[in-house]
Amino acid sequence: MESVERRALERAVQIVGSPESLARILDESSDRIEYWLEGLLPIPSDAFTKIVDVLLSENLAESGRECAKARAIVSKDETKNV
């Protein structure tokens, strides 16, 4: 079974685009990220905290985009009713 840490790592890689990009964000080597992805090394708790920050940042950004869409729809509907 895959660990929560590893699933979070995989999602963070998807969000930022590559293991190399995540390595830069986490201030780690690309090799270390690959070892974590392959399950060869455990993910240290300080790195996991940074990974969670990446996930939360993406969730906040997505929420902001959804709010902007909703405001645009409401604004468009309001101008139709005037």
C-alpha atoms as a PDB file:
ATOM      1  CA  MET A   1       0.000   0.000   0.000  1.00  0.00           C
ATOM      2  CA  GLU A   2       1.232   3.459  -0.877  1.00  0.00           C
ATOM      3  CA  SER A   3       1.881   5.850   1.970  1.00  0.00           C
ATOM      4  CA  VAL A   4       0.156   9.187   2.355  1.00  0.00           C
ATOM      5  CA  GLU A   5       3.568  10.831   2.138  1.00  0.00           C
ATOM      6  CA  ARG A   6       4.363   9.212  -1.191  1.00  0.00           C
ATOM      7  CA  ARG A   7       0.945  10.005  -2.669  1.00  0.00           C
ATOM      8  CA  ALA A   8       1.379  13.609  -1.554  1.00  0.00           C
ATOM      9  CA  LEU A   9       4.832  13.670  -3.153  1.00  0.00           C
ATOM     10  CA  GLU A  10       3.468  12.305  -6.435  1.00  0.00           C
ATOM     11  CA  ARG A  11       0.695  14.917  -6.466  1.00  0.00           C
ATOM     12  CA  ALA A  12       3.167  17.708  -5.703  1.00  0.00           C
ATOM     13  CA  VAL A  13       5.283  16.576  -8.669  1.00  0.00           C
ATOM     14  CA  GLN A  14       2.182  16.735 -10.873  1.00  0.00           C
ATOM     15  CA  ILE A  15       1.357  20.225  -9.614  1.00  0.00           C
ATOM     16  CA  VAL A  16       4.803  21.712 -10.187  1.00  0.00           C
ATOM     17  CA  GLY A  17       5.437  19.798 -13.401  1.00  0.00           C
ATOM     18  CA  SER A  18       8.483  17.629 -12.706  1.00  0.00           C
ATOM     19  CA  PRO A  19      10.625  16.065  -9.979  1.00  0.00           C
ATOM     20  CA  GLU A  20      13.330  18.603 -10.836  1.00  0.00           C
ATOM     21  CA  SER A  21      10.981  21.534 -10.231  1.00  0.00           C
ATOM     22  CA  LEU A  22       9.901  20.059  -6.919  1.00  0.00           C
ATOM     23  CA  ALA A  23      13.531  19.474  -5.979  1.00  0.00           C
ATOM     24  CA  ARG A  24      14.203  23.190  -6.441  1.00  0.00           C
ATOM     25  CA  ILE A  25      11.180  24.123  -4.332  1.00  0.00           C
ATOM     26  CA  LEU A  26      12.165  21.707  -1.558  1.00  0.00           C
ATOM     27  CA  ASP A  27      15.860  22.590  -1.822  1.00  0.00           C
ATOM     28  CA  GLU A  28      16.687  18.919  -2.366  1.00  0.00           C
ATOM     29  CA  SER A  29      18.540  17.047  -5.077  1.00  0.00           C
ATOM     30  CA  SER A  30      16.593  15.568  -7.979  1.00  0.00           C
ATOM     31  CA  ASP A  31      18.102  12.188  -7.104  1.00  0.00           C
ATOM     32  CA  ARG A  32      16.649  12.375  -3.608  1.00  0.00           C
ATOM     33  CA  ILE A  33      13.196  13.165  -5.007  1.00  0.00           C
ATOM     34  CA  GLU A  34      13.498  10.143  -7.308  1.00  0.00           C
ATOM     35  CA  TYR A  35      14.529   7.927  -4.358  1.00  0.00           C
ATOM     36  CA  TRP A  36      11.478   9.114  -2.445  1.00  0.00           C
ATOM     37  CA  LEU A  37       9.218   8.483  -5.439  1.00  0.00           C
ATOM     38  CA  GLU A  38      10.601   4.962  -5.804  1.00  0.00           C
ATOM     39  CA  GLY A  39      10.226   4.301  -2.084  1.00  0.00           C
ATOM     40  CA  LEU A  40      13.975   3.777  -1.651  1.00  0.00           C
ATOM     41  CA  LEU A  41      14.278   6.439   1.052  1.00  0.00           C
ATOM     42  CA  PRO A  42      11.722   7.684   3.552  1.00  0.00           C
ATOM     43  CA  ILE A  43      10.493  11.246   3.103  1.00  0.00           C
ATOM     44  CA  PRO A  44      11.767  13.357   6.020  1.00  0.00           C
ATOM     45  CA  SER A  45       9.106  15.198   8.004  1.00  0.00           C
ATOM     46  CA  ASP A  46      10.473  18.658   7.128  1.00  0.00           C
ATOM     47  CA  ALA A  47      10.298  17.804   3.411  1.00  0.00           C
ATOM     48  CA  PHE A  48       6.799  16.379   3.845  1.00  0.00           C
ATOM     49  CA  THR A  49       5.712  19.644   5.463  1.00  0.00           C
ATOM     50  CA  LYS A  50       6.959  21.544   2.393  1.00  0.00           C
ATOM     51  CA  ILE A  51       5.178  19.062   0.126  1.00  0.00           C
ATOM     52  CA  VAL A  52       1.936  19.702   1.996  1.00  0.00           C
ATOM     53  CA  ASP A  53       2.529  23.445   1.507  1.00  0.00           C
ATOM     54  CA  VAL A  54       2.684  22.842  -2.262  1.00  0.00           C
ATOM     55  CA  LEU A  55      -0.598  20.911  -2.110  1.00  0.00           C
ATOM     56  CA  LEU A  56      -2.310  23.555   0.006  1.00  0.00           C
ATOM     57  CA  SER A  57      -1.101  26.359  -2.242  1.00  0.00           C
ATOM     58  CA  GLU A  58      -2.594  24.581  -5.233  1.00  0.00           C
ATOM     59  CA  ASN A  59      -5.885  24.064  -3.389  1.00  0.00           C
ATOM     60  CA  LEU A  60      -6.014  27.759  -2.475  1.00  0.00           C
ATOM     61  CA  ALA A  61      -5.244  28.753  -6.050  1.00  0.00           C
ATOM     62  CA  GLU A  62      -7.965  26.432  -7.349  1.00  0.00           C
ATOM     63  CA  SER A  63     -10.453  27.845  -4.832  1.00  0.00           C
ATOM     64  CA  GLY A  64      -9.568  31.350  -5.978  1.00  0.00           C
ATOM     65  CA  ARG A  65     -10.150  30.390  -9.613  1.00  0.00           C
ATOM     66  CA  GLU A  66     -13.522  28.857  -8.741  1.00  0.00           C
ATOM     67  CA  CYS A  67     -14.553  31.978  -6.800  1.00  0.00           C
ATOM     68  CA  ALA A  68     -13.546  34.186  -9.720  1.00  0.00           C
ATOM     69  CA  LYS A  69     -15.631  32.055 -12.087  1.00  0.00           C
ATOM     70  CA  ALA A  70     -18.620  32.239  -9.748  1.00  0.00           C
ATOM     71  CA  ARG A  71     -18.287  36.032  -9.436  1.00  0.00           C
ATOM     72  CA  ALA A  72     -18.117  36.363 -13.218  1.00  0.00           C
ATOM     73  CA  ILE A  73     -21.271  34.284 -13.645  1.00  0.00           C
ATOM     74  CA  VAL A  74     -23.152  36.265 -11.000  1.00  0.00           C
ATOM     75  CA  SER A  75     -21.954  39.552 -12.480  1.00  0.00           C
ATOM     76  CA  LYS A  76     -23.009  38.453 -15.974  1.00  0.00           C
ATOM     77  CA  ASP A  77     -26.448  37.396 -14.700  1.00  0.00           C
ATOM     78  CA  GLU A  78     -26.882  40.709 -12.869  1.00  0.00           C
ATOM     79  CA  THR A  79     -26.162  42.727 -16.016  1.00  0.00           C
ATOM     80  CA  LYS A  80     -28.688  40.649 -17.945  1.00  0.00           C
ATOM     81  CA  ASN A  81     -31.373  41.493 -15.373  1.00  0.00           C
ATOM     82  CA  VAL A  82     -30.771  45.250 -15.505  1.00  0.00           C
END
